[in-house]
Amino acid sequence: RNSQMMIQFSDESIKSIAHINGFK
């Protein structure tokens, strides 16, 4: 859920979003 919101509403790269949400 958090990843989905960040992809839609932030400028973070998908790689950063993955790391922020605990994916290796």
PDBML (XML) file of the C-alpha atoms, coordinates in Angstrom:
<?xml version="1.0" encoding="UTF-8" ?>
<PDBx:datablock datablockName="MODEL"
   xmlns:PDBx="http://pdbml.pdb.org/schema/pdbx-v50.xsd"
   xmlns:xsi="http://www.w3.org/2001/XMLSchema-instance"
   xsi:schemaLocation="http://pdbml.pdb.org/schema/pdbx-v50.xsd pdbx-v50.xsd">
   <PDBx:atom_siteCategory>
      <PDBx:atom_site id="1">
         <PDBx:B_iso_or_equiv>0.00</PDBx:B_iso_or_equiv>
         <PDBx:Cartn_x>0.000</PDBx:Cartn_x>
         <PDBx:Cartn_y>0.000</PDBx:Cartn_y>
         <PDBx:Cartn_z>0.000</PDBx:Cartn_z>
         <PDBx:auth_asym_id>A</PDBx:auth_asym_id>
         <PDBx:auth_atom_id>CA</PDBx:auth_atom_id>
         <PDBx:auth_comp_id>ARG</PDBx:auth_comp_id>
         <PDBx:auth_seq_id>1</PDBx:auth_seq_id>
         <PDBx:group_PDB>ATOM</PDBx:group_PDB>
         <PDBx:label_alt_id xsi:nil="true" />
         <PDBx:label_asym_id>A</PDBx:label_asym_id>
         <PDBx:label_atom_id>CA</PDBx:label_atom_id>
         <PDBx:label_comp_id>ARG</PDBx:label_comp_id>
         <PDBx:label_entity_id>1</PDBx:label_entity_id>
         <PDBx:label_seq_id>1</PDBx:label_seq_id>
         <PDBx:occupancy>1.00</PDBx:occupancy>
         <PDBx:pdbx_PDB_model_num>1</PDBx:pdbx_PDB_model_num>
         <PDBx:type_symbol>C</PDBx:type_symbol>
      </PDBx:atom_site>
      <PDBx:atom_site id="2">
         <PDBx:B_iso_or_equiv>0.00</PDBx:B_iso_or_equiv>
         <PDBx:Cartn_x>2.781</PDBx:Cartn_x>
         <PDBx:Cartn_y>2.402</PDBx:Cartn_y>
         <PDBx:Cartn_z>0.931</PDBx:Cartn_z>
         <PDBx:auth_asym_id>A</PDBx:auth_asym_id>
         <PDBx:auth_atom_id>CA</PDBx:auth_atom_id>
         <PDBx:auth_comp_id>ASN</PDBx:auth_comp_id>
         <PDBx:auth_seq_id>2</PDBx:auth_seq_id>
         <PDBx:group_PDB>ATOM</PDBx:group_PDB>
         <PDBx:label_alt_id xsi:nil="true" />
         <PDBx:label_asym_id>A</PDBx:label_asym_id>
         <PDBx:label_atom_id>CA</PDBx:label_atom_id>
         <PDBx:label_comp_id>ASN</PDBx:label_comp_id>
         <PDBx:label_entity_id>1</PDBx:label_entity_id>
         <PDBx:label_seq_id>2</PDBx:label_seq_id>
         <PDBx:occupancy>1.00</PDBx:occupancy>
         <PDBx:pdbx_PDB_model_num>1</PDBx:pdbx_PDB_model_num>
         <PDBx:type_symbol>C</PDBx:type_symbol>
      </PDBx:atom_site>
      <PDBx:atom_site id="3">
         <PDBx:B_iso_or_equiv>0.00</PDBx:B_iso_or_equiv>
         <PDBx:Cartn_x>4.698</PDBx:Cartn_x>
         <PDBx:Cartn_y>1.520</PDBx:Cartn_y>
         <PDBx:Cartn_z>-2.248</PDBx:Cartn_z>
         <PDBx:auth_asym_id>A</PDBx:auth_asym_id>
         <PDBx:auth_atom_id>CA</PDBx:auth_atom_id>
         <PDBx:auth_comp_id>SER</PDBx:auth_comp_id>
         <PDBx:auth_seq_id>3</PDBx:auth_seq_id>
         <PDBx:group_PDB>ATOM</PDBx:group_PDB>
         <PDBx:label_alt_id xsi:nil="true" />
         <PDBx:label_asym_id>A</PDBx:label_asym_id>
         <PDBx:label_atom_id>CA</PDBx:label_atom_id>
         <PDBx:label_comp_id>SER</PDBx:label_comp_id>
         <PDBx:label_entity_id>1</PDBx:label_entity_id>
         <PDBx:label_seq_id>3</PDBx:label_seq_id>
         <PDBx:occupancy>1.00</PDBx:occupancy>
         <PDBx:pdbx_PDB_model_num>1</PDBx:pdbx_PDB_model_num>
         <PDBx:type_symbol>C</PDBx:type_symbol>
      </PDBx:atom_site>
      <PDBx:atom_site id="4">
         <PDBx:B_iso_or_equiv>0.00</PDBx:B_iso_or_equiv>
         <PDBx:Cartn_x>1.619</PDBx:Cartn_x>
         <PDBx:Cartn_y>2.132</PDBx:Cartn_y>
         <PDBx:Cartn_z>-4.376</PDBx:Cartn_z>
         <PDBx:auth_asym_id>A</PDBx:auth_asym_id>
         <PDBx:auth_atom_id>CA</PDBx:auth_atom_id>
         <PDBx:auth_comp_id>GLN</PDBx:auth_comp_id>
         <PDBx:auth_seq_id>4</PDBx:auth_seq_id>
         <PDBx:group_PDB>ATOM</PDBx:group_PDB>
         <PDBx:label_alt_id xsi:nil="true" />
         <PDBx:label_asym_id>A</PDBx:label_asym_id>
         <PDBx:label_atom_id>CA</PDBx:label_atom_id>
         <PDBx:label_comp_id>GLN</PDBx:label_comp_id>
         <PDBx:label_entity_id>1</PDBx:label_entity_id>
         <PDBx:label_seq_id>4</PDBx:label_seq_id>
         <PDBx:occupancy>1.00</PDBx:occupancy>
         <PDBx:pdbx_PDB_model_num>1</PDBx:pdbx_PDB_model_num>
         <PDBx:type_symbol>C</PDBx:type_symbol>
      </PDBx:atom_site>
      <PDBx:atom_site id="5">
         <PDBx:B_iso_or_equiv>0.00</PDBx:B_iso_or_equiv>
         <PDBx:Cartn_x>1.079</PDBx:Cartn_x>
         <PDBx:Cartn_y>5.604</PDBx:Cartn_y>
         <PDBx:Cartn_z>-2.876</PDBx:Cartn_z>
         <PDBx:auth_asym_id>A</PDBx:auth_asym_id>
         <PDBx:auth_atom_id>CA</PDBx:auth_atom_id>
         <PDBx:auth_comp_id>MET</PDBx:auth_comp_id>
         <PDBx:auth_seq_id>5</PDBx:auth_seq_id>
         <PDBx:group_PDB>ATOM</PDBx:group_PDB>
         <PDBx:label_alt_id xsi:nil="true" />
         <PDBx:label_asym_id>A</PDBx:label_asym_id>
         <PDBx:label_atom_id>CA</PDBx:label_atom_id>
         <PDBx:label_comp_id>MET</PDBx:label_comp_id>
         <PDBx:label_entity_id>1</PDBx:label_entity_id>
         <PDBx:label_seq_id>5</PDBx:label_seq_id>
         <PDBx:occupancy>1.00</PDBx:occupancy>
         <PDBx:pdbx_PDB_model_num>1</PDBx:pdbx_PDB_model_num>
         <PDBx:type_symbol>C</PDBx:type_symbol>
      </PDBx:atom_site>
      <PDBx:atom_site id="6">
         <PDBx:B_iso_or_equiv>0.00</PDBx:B_iso_or_equiv>
         <PDBx:Cartn_x>4.744</PDBx:Cartn_x>
         <PDBx:Cartn_y>6.543</PDBx:Cartn_y>
         <PDBx:Cartn_z>-3.270</PDBx:Cartn_z>
         <PDBx:auth_asym_id>A</PDBx:auth_asym_id>
         <PDBx:auth_atom_id>CA</PDBx:auth_atom_id>
         <PDBx:auth_comp_id>MET</PDBx:auth_comp_id>
         <PDBx:auth_seq_id>6</PDBx:auth_seq_id>
         <PDBx:group_PDB>ATOM</PDBx:group_PDB>
         <PDBx:label_alt_id xsi:nil="true" />
         <PDBx:label_asym_id>A</PDBx:label_asym_id>
         <PDBx:label_atom_id>CA</PDBx:label_atom_id>
         <PDBx:label_comp_id>MET</PDBx:label_comp_id>
         <PDBx:label_entity_id>1</PDBx:label_entity_id>
         <PDBx:label_seq_id>6</PDBx:label_seq_id>
         <PDBx:occupancy>1.00</PDBx:occupancy>
         <PDBx:pdbx_PDB_model_num>1</PDBx:pdbx_PDB_model_num>
         <PDBx:type_symbol>C</PDBx:type_symbol>
      </PDBx:atom_site>
      <PDBx:atom_site id="7">
         <PDBx:B_iso_or_equiv>0.00</PDBx:B_iso_or_equiv>
         <PDBx:Cartn_x>4.766</PDBx:Cartn_x>
         <PDBx:Cartn_y>5.467</PDBx:Cartn_y>
         <PDBx:Cartn_z>-6.938</PDBx:Cartn_z>
         <PDBx:auth_asym_id>A</PDBx:auth_asym_id>
         <PDBx:auth_atom_id>CA</PDBx:auth_atom_id>
         <PDBx:auth_comp_id>ILE</PDBx:auth_comp_id>
         <PDBx:auth_seq_id>7</PDBx:auth_seq_id>
         <PDBx:group_PDB>ATOM</PDBx:group_PDB>
         <PDBx:label_alt_id xsi:nil="true" />
         <PDBx:label_asym_id>A</PDBx:label_asym_id>
         <PDBx:label_atom_id>CA</PDBx:label_atom_id>
         <PDBx:label_comp_id>ILE</PDBx:label_comp_id>
         <PDBx:label_entity_id>1</PDBx:label_entity_id>
         <PDBx:label_seq_id>7</PDBx:label_seq_id>
         <PDBx:occupancy>1.00</PDBx:occupancy>
         <PDBx:pdbx_PDB_model_num>1</PDBx:pdbx_PDB_model_num>
         <PDBx:type_symbol>C</PDBx:type_symbol>
      </PDBx:atom_site>
      <PDBx:atom_site id="8">
         <PDBx:B_iso_or_equiv>0.00</PDBx:B_iso_or_equiv>
         <PDBx:Cartn_x>1.682</PDBx:Cartn_x>
         <PDBx:Cartn_y>7.607</PDBx:Cartn_y>
         <PDBx:Cartn_z>-7.580</PDBx:Cartn_z>
         <PDBx:auth_asym_id>A</PDBx:auth_asym_id>
         <PDBx:auth_atom_id>CA</PDBx:auth_atom_id>
         <PDBx:auth_comp_id>GLN</PDBx:auth_comp_id>
         <PDBx:auth_seq_id>8</PDBx:auth_seq_id>
         <PDBx:group_PDB>ATOM</PDBx:group_PDB>
         <PDBx:label_alt_id xsi:nil="true" />
         <PDBx:label_asym_id>A</PDBx:label_asym_id>
         <PDBx:label_atom_id>CA</PDBx:label_atom_id>
         <PDBx:label_comp_id>GLN</PDBx:label_comp_id>
         <PDBx:label_entity_id>1</PDBx:label_entity_id>
         <PDBx:label_seq_id>8</PDBx:label_seq_id>
         <PDBx:occupancy>1.00</PDBx:occupancy>
         <PDBx:pdbx_PDB_model_num>1</PDBx:pdbx_PDB_model_num>
         <PDBx:type_symbol>C</PDBx:type_symbol>
      </PDBx:atom_site>
      <PDBx:atom_site id="9">
         <PDBx:B_iso_or_equiv>0.00</PDBx:B_iso_or_equiv>
         <PDBx:Cartn_x>2.418</PDBx:Cartn_x>
         <PDBx:Cartn_y>10.675</PDBx:Cartn_y>
         <PDBx:Cartn_z>-5.476</PDBx:Cartn_z>
         <PDBx:auth_asym_id>A</PDBx:auth_asym_id>
         <PDBx:auth_atom_id>CA</PDBx:auth_atom_id>
         <PDBx:auth_comp_id>PHE</PDBx:auth_comp_id>
         <PDBx:auth_seq_id>9</PDBx:auth_seq_id>
         <PDBx:group_PDB>ATOM</PDBx:group_PDB>
         <PDBx:label_alt_id xsi:nil="true" />
         <PDBx:label_asym_id>A</PDBx:label_asym_id>
         <PDBx:label_atom_id>CA</PDBx:label_atom_id>
         <PDBx:label_comp_id>PHE</PDBx:label_comp_id>
         <PDBx:label_entity_id>1</PDBx:label_entity_id>
         <PDBx:label_seq_id>9</PDBx:label_seq_id>
         <PDBx:occupancy>1.00</PDBx:occupancy>
         <PDBx:pdbx_PDB_model_num>1</PDBx:pdbx_PDB_model_num>
         <PDBx:type_symbol>C</PDBx:type_symbol>
      </PDBx:atom_site>
      <PDBx:atom_site id="10">
         <PDBx:B_iso_or_equiv>0.00</PDBx:B_iso_or_equiv>
         <PDBx:Cartn_x>6.199</PDBx:Cartn_x>
         <PDBx:Cartn_y>10.954</PDBx:Cartn_y>
         <PDBx:Cartn_z>-5.030</PDBx:Cartn_z>
         <PDBx:auth_asym_id>A</PDBx:auth_asym_id>
         <PDBx:auth_atom_id>CA</PDBx:auth_atom_id>
         <PDBx:auth_comp_id>SER</PDBx:auth_comp_id>
         <PDBx:auth_seq_id>10</PDBx:auth_seq_id>
         <PDBx:group_PDB>ATOM</PDBx:group_PDB>
         <PDBx:label_alt_id xsi:nil="true" />
         <PDBx:label_asym_id>A</PDBx:label_asym_id>
         <PDBx:label_atom_id>CA</PDBx:label_atom_id>
         <PDBx:label_comp_id>SER</PDBx:label_comp_id>
         <PDBx:label_entity_id>1</PDBx:label_entity_id>
         <PDBx:label_seq_id>10</PDBx:label_seq_id>
         <PDBx:occupancy>1.00</PDBx:occupancy>
         <PDBx:pdbx_PDB_model_num>1</PDBx:pdbx_PDB_model_num>
         <PDBx:type_symbol>C</PDBx:type_symbol>
      </PDBx:atom_site>
      <PDBx:atom_site id="11">
         <PDBx:B_iso_or_equiv>0.00</PDBx:B_iso_or_equiv>
         <PDBx:Cartn_x>9.194</PDBx:Cartn_x>
         <PDBx:Cartn_y>11.520</PDBx:Cartn_y>
         <PDBx:Cartn_z>-7.288</PDBx:Cartn_z>
         <PDBx:auth_asym_id>A</PDBx:auth_asym_id>
         <PDBx:auth_atom_id>CA</PDBx:auth_atom_id>
         <PDBx:auth_comp_id>ASP</PDBx:auth_comp_id>
         <PDBx:auth_seq_id>11</PDBx:auth_seq_id>
         <PDBx:group_PDB>ATOM</PDBx:group_PDB>
         <PDBx:label_alt_id xsi:nil="true" />
         <PDBx:label_asym_id>A</PDBx:label_asym_id>
         <PDBx:label_atom_id>CA</PDBx:label_atom_id>
         <PDBx:label_comp_id>ASP</PDBx:label_comp_id>
         <PDBx:label_entity_id>1</PDBx:label_entity_id>
         <PDBx:label_seq_id>11</PDBx:label_seq_id>
         <PDBx:occupancy>1.00</PDBx:occupancy>
         <PDBx:pdbx_PDB_model_num>1</PDBx:pdbx_PDB_model_num>
         <PDBx:type_symbol>C</PDBx:type_symbol>
      </PDBx:atom_site>
      <PDBx:atom_site id="12">
         <PDBx:B_iso_or_equiv>0.00</PDBx:B_iso_or_equiv>
         <PDBx:Cartn_x>11.244</PDBx:Cartn_x>
         <PDBx:Cartn_y>8.740</PDBx:Cartn_y>
         <PDBx:Cartn_z>-5.667</PDBx:Cartn_z>
         <PDBx:auth_asym_id>A</PDBx:auth_asym_id>
         <PDBx:auth_atom_id>CA</PDBx:auth_atom_id>
         <PDBx:auth_comp_id>GLU</PDBx:auth_comp_id>
         <PDBx:auth_seq_id>12</PDBx:auth_seq_id>
         <PDBx:group_PDB>ATOM</PDBx:group_PDB>
         <PDBx:label_alt_id xsi:nil="true" />
         <PDBx:label_asym_id>A</PDBx:label_asym_id>
         <PDBx:label_atom_id>CA</PDBx:label_atom_id>
         <PDBx:label_comp_id>GLU</PDBx:label_comp_id>
         <PDBx:label_entity_id>1</PDBx:label_entity_id>
         <PDBx:label_seq_id>12</PDBx:label_seq_id>
         <PDBx:occupancy>1.00</PDBx:occupancy>
         <PDBx:pdbx_PDB_model_num>1</PDBx:pdbx_PDB_model_num>
         <PDBx:type_symbol>C</PDBx:type_symbol>
      </PDBx:atom_site>
      <PDBx:atom_site id="13">
         <PDBx:B_iso_or_equiv>0.00</PDBx:B_iso_or_equiv>
         <PDBx:Cartn_x>12.683</PDBx:Cartn_x>
         <PDBx:Cartn_y>6.198</PDBx:Cartn_y>
         <PDBx:Cartn_z>-8.085</PDBx:Cartn_z>
         <PDBx:auth_asym_id>A</PDBx:auth_asym_id>
         <PDBx:auth_atom_id>CA</PDBx:auth_atom_id>
         <PDBx:auth_comp_id>SER</PDBx:auth_comp_id>
         <PDBx:auth_seq_id>13</PDBx:auth_seq_id>
         <PDBx:group_PDB>ATOM</PDBx:group_PDB>
         <PDBx:label_alt_id xsi:nil="true" />
         <PDBx:label_asym_id>A</PDBx:label_asym_id>
         <PDBx:label_atom_id>CA</PDBx:label_atom_id>
         <PDBx:label_comp_id>SER</PDBx:label_comp_id>
         <PDBx:label_entity_id>1</PDBx:label_entity_id>
         <PDBx:label_seq_id>13</PDBx:label_seq_id>
         <PDBx:occupancy>1.00</PDBx:occupancy>
         <PDBx:pdbx_PDB_model_num>1</PDBx:pdbx_PDB_model_num>
         <PDBx:type_symbol>C</PDBx:type_symbol>
      </PDBx:atom_site>
      <PDBx:atom_site id="14">
         <PDBx:B_iso_or_equiv>0.00</PDBx:B_iso_or_equiv>
         <PDBx:Cartn_x>11.081</PDBx:Cartn_x>
         <PDBx:Cartn_y>2.749</PDBx:Cartn_y>
         <PDBx:Cartn_z>-8.078</PDBx:Cartn_z>
         <PDBx:auth_asym_id>A</PDBx:auth_asym_id>
         <PDBx:auth_atom_id>CA</PDBx:auth_atom_id>
         <PDBx:auth_comp_id>ILE</PDBx:auth_comp_id>
         <PDBx:auth_seq_id>14</PDBx:auth_seq_id>
         <PDBx:group_PDB>ATOM</PDBx:group_PDB>
         <PDBx:label_alt_id xsi:nil="true" />
         <PDBx:label_asym_id>A</PDBx:label_asym_id>
         <PDBx:label_atom_id>CA</PDBx:label_atom_id>
         <PDBx:label_comp_id>ILE</PDBx:label_comp_id>
         <PDBx:label_entity_id>1</PDBx:label_entity_id>
         <PDBx:label_seq_id>14</PDBx:label_seq_id>
         <PDBx:occupancy>1.00</PDBx:occupancy>
         <PDBx:pdbx_PDB_model_num>1</PDBx:pdbx_PDB_model_num>
         <PDBx:type_symbol>C</PDBx:type_symbol>
      </PDBx:atom_site>
      <PDBx:atom_site id="15">
         <PDBx:B_iso_or_equiv>0.00</PDBx:B_iso_or_equiv>
         <PDBx:Cartn_x>14.372</PDBx:Cartn_x>
         <PDBx:Cartn_y>1.327</PDBx:Cartn_y>
         <PDBx:Cartn_z>-6.806</PDBx:Cartn_z>
         <PDBx:auth_asym_id>A</PDBx:auth_asym_id>
         <PDBx:auth_atom_id>CA</PDBx:auth_atom_id>
         <PDBx:auth_comp_id>LYS</PDBx:auth_comp_id>
         <PDBx:auth_seq_id>15</PDBx:auth_seq_id>
         <PDBx:group_PDB>ATOM</PDBx:group_PDB>
         <PDBx:label_alt_id xsi:nil="true" />
         <PDBx:label_asym_id>A</PDBx:label_asym_id>
         <PDBx:label_atom_id>CA</PDBx:label_atom_id>
         <PDBx:label_comp_id>LYS</PDBx:label_comp_id>
         <PDBx:label_entity_id>1</PDBx:label_entity_id>
         <PDBx:label_seq_id>15</PDBx:label_seq_id>
         <PDBx:occupancy>1.00</PDBx:occupancy>
         <PDBx:pdbx_PDB_model_num>1</PDBx:pdbx_PDB_model_num>
         <PDBx:type_symbol>C</PDBx:type_symbol>
      </PDBx:atom_site>
      <PDBx:atom_site id="16">
         <PDBx:B_iso_or_equiv>0.00</PDBx:B_iso_or_equiv>
         <PDBx:Cartn_x>14.289</PDBx:Cartn_x>
         <PDBx:Cartn_y>3.722</PDBx:Cartn_y>
         <PDBx:Cartn_z>-3.824</PDBx:Cartn_z>
         <PDBx:auth_asym_id>A</PDBx:auth_asym_id>
         <PDBx:auth_atom_id>CA</PDBx:auth_atom_id>
         <PDBx:auth_comp_id>SER</PDBx:auth_comp_id>
         <PDBx:auth_seq_id>16</PDBx:auth_seq_id>
         <PDBx:group_PDB>ATOM</PDBx:group_PDB>
         <PDBx:label_alt_id xsi:nil="true" />
         <PDBx:label_asym_id>A</PDBx:label_asym_id>
         <PDBx:label_atom_id>CA</PDBx:label_atom_id>
         <PDBx:label_comp_id>SER</PDBx:label_comp_id>
         <PDBx:label_entity_id>1</PDBx:label_entity_id>
         <PDBx:label_seq_id>16</PDBx:label_seq_id>
         <PDBx:occupancy>1.00</PDBx:occupancy>
         <PDBx:pdbx_PDB_model_num>1</PDBx:pdbx_PDB_model_num>
         <PDBx:type_symbol>C</PDBx:type_symbol>
      </PDBx:atom_site>
      <PDBx:atom_site id="17">
         <PDBx:B_iso_or_equiv>0.00</PDBx:B_iso_or_equiv>
         <PDBx:Cartn_x>10.635</PDBx:Cartn_x>
         <PDBx:Cartn_y>2.941</PDBx:Cartn_y>
         <PDBx:Cartn_z>-3.143</PDBx:Cartn_z>
         <PDBx:auth_asym_id>A</PDBx:auth_asym_id>
         <PDBx:auth_atom_id>CA</PDBx:auth_atom_id>
         <PDBx:auth_comp_id>ILE</PDBx:auth_comp_id>
         <PDBx:auth_seq_id>17</PDBx:auth_seq_id>
         <PDBx:group_PDB>ATOM</PDBx:group_PDB>
         <PDBx:label_alt_id xsi:nil="true" />
         <PDBx:label_asym_id>A</PDBx:label_asym_id>
         <PDBx:label_atom_id>CA</PDBx:label_atom_id>
         <PDBx:label_comp_id>ILE</PDBx:label_comp_id>
         <PDBx:label_entity_id>1</PDBx:label_entity_id>
         <PDBx:label_seq_id>17</PDBx:label_seq_id>
         <PDBx:occupancy>1.00</PDBx:occupancy>
         <PDBx:pdbx_PDB_model_num>1</PDBx:pdbx_PDB_model_num>
         <PDBx:type_symbol>C</PDBx:type_symbol>
      </PDBx:atom_site>
      <PDBx:atom_site id="18">
         <PDBx:B_iso_or_equiv>0.00</PDBx:B_iso_or_equiv>
         <PDBx:Cartn_x>11.434</PDBx:Cartn_x>
         <PDBx:Cartn_y>-0.783</PDBx:Cartn_y>
         <PDBx:Cartn_z>-3.098</PDBx:Cartn_z>
         <PDBx:auth_asym_id>A</PDBx:auth_asym_id>
         <PDBx:auth_atom_id>CA</PDBx:auth_atom_id>
         <PDBx:auth_comp_id>ALA</PDBx:auth_comp_id>
         <PDBx:auth_seq_id>18</PDBx:auth_seq_id>
         <PDBx:group_PDB>ATOM</PDBx:group_PDB>
         <PDBx:label_alt_id xsi:nil="true" />
         <PDBx:label_asym_id>A</PDBx:label_asym_id>
         <PDBx:label_atom_id>CA</PDBx:label_atom_id>
         <PDBx:label_comp_id>ALA</PDBx:label_comp_id>
         <PDBx:label_entity_id>1</PDBx:label_entity_id>
         <PDBx:label_seq_id>18</PDBx:label_seq_id>
         <PDBx:occupancy>1.00</PDBx:occupancy>
         <PDBx:pdbx_PDB_model_num>1</PDBx:pdbx_PDB_model_num>
         <PDBx:type_symbol>C</PDBx:type_symbol>
      </PDBx:atom_site>
      <PDBx:atom_site id="19">
         <PDBx:B_iso_or_equiv>0.00</PDBx:B_iso_or_equiv>
         <PDBx:Cartn_x>14.241</PDBx:Cartn_x>
         <PDBx:Cartn_y>-0.216</PDBx:Cartn_y>
         <PDBx:Cartn_z>-0.561</PDBx:Cartn_z>
         <PDBx:auth_asym_id>A</PDBx:auth_asym_id>
         <PDBx:auth_atom_id>CA</PDBx:auth_atom_id>
         <PDBx:auth_comp_id>HIS</PDBx:auth_comp_id>
         <PDBx:auth_seq_id>19</PDBx:auth_seq_id>
         <PDBx:group_PDB>ATOM</PDBx:group_PDB>
         <PDBx:label_alt_id xsi:nil="true" />
         <PDBx:label_asym_id>A</PDBx:label_asym_id>
         <PDBx:label_atom_id>CA</PDBx:label_atom_id>
         <PDBx:label_comp_id>HIS</PDBx:label_comp_id>
         <PDBx:label_entity_id>1</PDBx:label_entity_id>
         <PDBx:label_seq_id>19</PDBx:label_seq_id>
         <PDBx:occupancy>1.00</PDBx:occupancy>
         <PDBx:pdbx_PDB_model_num>1</PDBx:pdbx_PDB_model_num>
         <PDBx:type_symbol>C</PDBx:type_symbol>
      </PDBx:atom_site>
      <PDBx:atom_site id="20">
         <PDBx:B_iso_or_equiv>0.00</PDBx:B_iso_or_equiv>
         <PDBx:Cartn_x>12.182</PDBx:Cartn_x>
         <PDBx:Cartn_y>2.152</PDBx:Cartn_y>
         <PDBx:Cartn_z>1.633</PDBx:Cartn_z>
         <PDBx:auth_asym_id>A</PDBx:auth_asym_id>
         <PDBx:auth_atom_id>CA</PDBx:auth_atom_id>
         <PDBx:auth_comp_id>ILE</PDBx:auth_comp_id>
         <PDBx:auth_seq_id>20</PDBx:auth_seq_id>
         <PDBx:group_PDB>ATOM</PDBx:group_PDB>
         <PDBx:label_alt_id xsi:nil="true" />
         <PDBx:label_asym_id>A</PDBx:label_asym_id>
         <PDBx:label_atom_id>CA</PDBx:label_atom_id>
         <PDBx:label_comp_id>ILE</PDBx:label_comp_id>
         <PDBx:label_entity_id>1</PDBx:label_entity_id>
         <PDBx:label_seq_id>20</PDBx:label_seq_id>
         <PDBx:occupancy>1.00</PDBx:occupancy>
         <PDBx:pdbx_PDB_model_num>1</PDBx:pdbx_PDB_model_num>
         <PDBx:type_symbol>C</PDBx:type_symbol>
      </PDBx:atom_site>
      <PDBx:atom_site id="21">
         <PDBx:B_iso_or_equiv>0.00</PDBx:B_iso_or_equiv>
         <PDBx:Cartn_x>9.471</PDBx:Cartn_x>
         <PDBx:Cartn_y>-0.499</PDBx:Cartn_y>
         <PDBx:Cartn_z>1.925</PDBx:Cartn_z>
         <PDBx:auth_asym_id>A</PDBx:auth_asym_id>
         <PDBx:auth_atom_id>CA</PDBx:auth_atom_id>
         <PDBx:auth_comp_id>ASN</PDBx:auth_comp_id>
         <PDBx:auth_seq_id>21</PDBx:auth_seq_id>
         <PDBx:group_PDB>ATOM</PDBx:group_PDB>
         <PDBx:label_alt_id xsi:nil="true" />
         <PDBx:label_asym_id>A</PDBx:label_asym_id>
         <PDBx:label_atom_id>CA</PDBx:label_atom_id>
         <PDBx:label_comp_id>ASN</PDBx:label_comp_id>
         <PDBx:label_entity_id>1</PDBx:label_entity_id>
         <PDBx:label_seq_id>21</PDBx:label_seq_id>
         <PDBx:occupancy>1.00</PDBx:occupancy>
         <PDBx:pdbx_PDB_model_num>1</PDBx:pdbx_PDB_model_num>
         <PDBx:type_symbol>C</PDBx:type_symbol>
      </PDBx:atom_site>
      <PDBx:atom_site id="22">
         <PDBx:B_iso_or_equiv>0.00</PDBx:B_iso_or_equiv>
         <PDBx:Cartn_x>11.731</PDBx:Cartn_x>
         <PDBx:Cartn_y>-3.365</PDBx:Cartn_y>
         <PDBx:Cartn_z>2.894</PDBx:Cartn_z>
         <PDBx:auth_asym_id>A</PDBx:auth_asym_id>
         <PDBx:auth_atom_id>CA</PDBx:auth_atom_id>
         <PDBx:auth_comp_id>GLY</PDBx:auth_comp_id>
         <PDBx:auth_seq_id>22</PDBx:auth_seq_id>
         <PDBx:group_PDB>ATOM</PDBx:group_PDB>
         <PDBx:label_alt_id xsi:nil="true" />
         <PDBx:label_asym_id>A</PDBx:label_asym_id>
         <PDBx:label_atom_id>CA</PDBx:label_atom_id>
         <PDBx:label_comp_id>GLY</PDBx:label_comp_id>
         <PDBx:label_entity_id>1</PDBx:label_entity_id>
         <PDBx:label_seq_id>22</PDBx:label_seq_id>
         <PDBx:occupancy>1.00</PDBx:occupancy>
         <PDBx:pdbx_PDB_model_num>1</PDBx:pdbx_PDB_model_num>
         <PDBx:type_symbol>C</PDBx:type_symbol>
      </PDBx:atom_site>
      <PDBx:atom_site id="23">
         <PDBx:B_iso_or_equiv>0.00</PDBx:B_iso_or_equiv>
         <PDBx:Cartn_x>12.316</PDBx:Cartn_x>
         <PDBx:Cartn_y>-5.141</PDBx:Cartn_y>
         <PDBx:Cartn_z>-0.420</PDBx:Cartn_z>
         <PDBx:auth_asym_id>A</PDBx:auth_asym_id>
         <PDBx:auth_atom_id>CA</PDBx:auth_atom_id>
         <PDBx:auth_comp_id>PHE</PDBx:auth_comp_id>
         <PDBx:auth_seq_id>23</PDBx:auth_seq_id>
         <PDBx:group_PDB>ATOM</PDBx:group_PDB>
         <PDBx:label_alt_id xsi:nil="true" />
         <PDBx:label_asym_id>A</PDBx:label_asym_id>
         <PDBx:label_atom_id>CA</PDBx:label_atom_id>
         <PDBx:label_comp_id>PHE</PDBx:label_comp_id>
         <PDBx:label_entity_id>1</PDBx:label_entity_id>
         <PDBx:label_seq_id>23</PDBx:label_seq_id>
         <PDBx:occupancy>1.00</PDBx:occupancy>
         <PDBx:pdbx_PDB_model_num>1</PDBx:pdbx_PDB_model_num>
         <PDBx:type_symbol>C</PDBx:type_symbol>
      </PDBx:atom_site>
      <PDBx:atom_site id="24">
         <PDBx:B_iso_or_equiv>0.00</PDBx:B_iso_or_equiv>
         <PDBx:Cartn_x>15.877</PDBx:Cartn_x>
         <PDBx:Cartn_y>-6.346</PDBx:Cartn_y>
         <PDBx:Cartn_z>-0.986</PDBx:Cartn_z>
         <PDBx:auth_asym_id>A</PDBx:auth_asym_id>
         <PDBx:auth_atom_id>CA</PDBx:auth_atom_id>
         <PDBx:auth_comp_id>LYS</PDBx:auth_comp_id>
         <PDBx:auth_seq_id>24</PDBx:auth_seq_id>
         <PDBx:group_PDB>ATOM</PDBx:group_PDB>
         <PDBx:label_alt_id xsi:nil="true" />
         <PDBx:label_asym_id>A</PDBx:label_asym_id>
         <PDBx:label_atom_id>CA</PDBx:label_atom_id>
         <PDBx:label_comp_id>LYS</PDBx:label_comp_id>
         <PDBx:label_entity_id>1</PDBx:label_entity_id>
         <PDBx:label_seq_id>24</PDBx:label_seq_id>
         <PDBx:occupancy>1.00</PDBx:occupancy>
         <PDBx:pdbx_PDB_model_num>1</PDBx:pdbx_PDB_model_num>
         <PDBx:type_symbol>C</PDBx:type_symbol>
      </PDBx:atom_site>
   </PDBx:atom_siteCategory>
</PDBx:datablock>
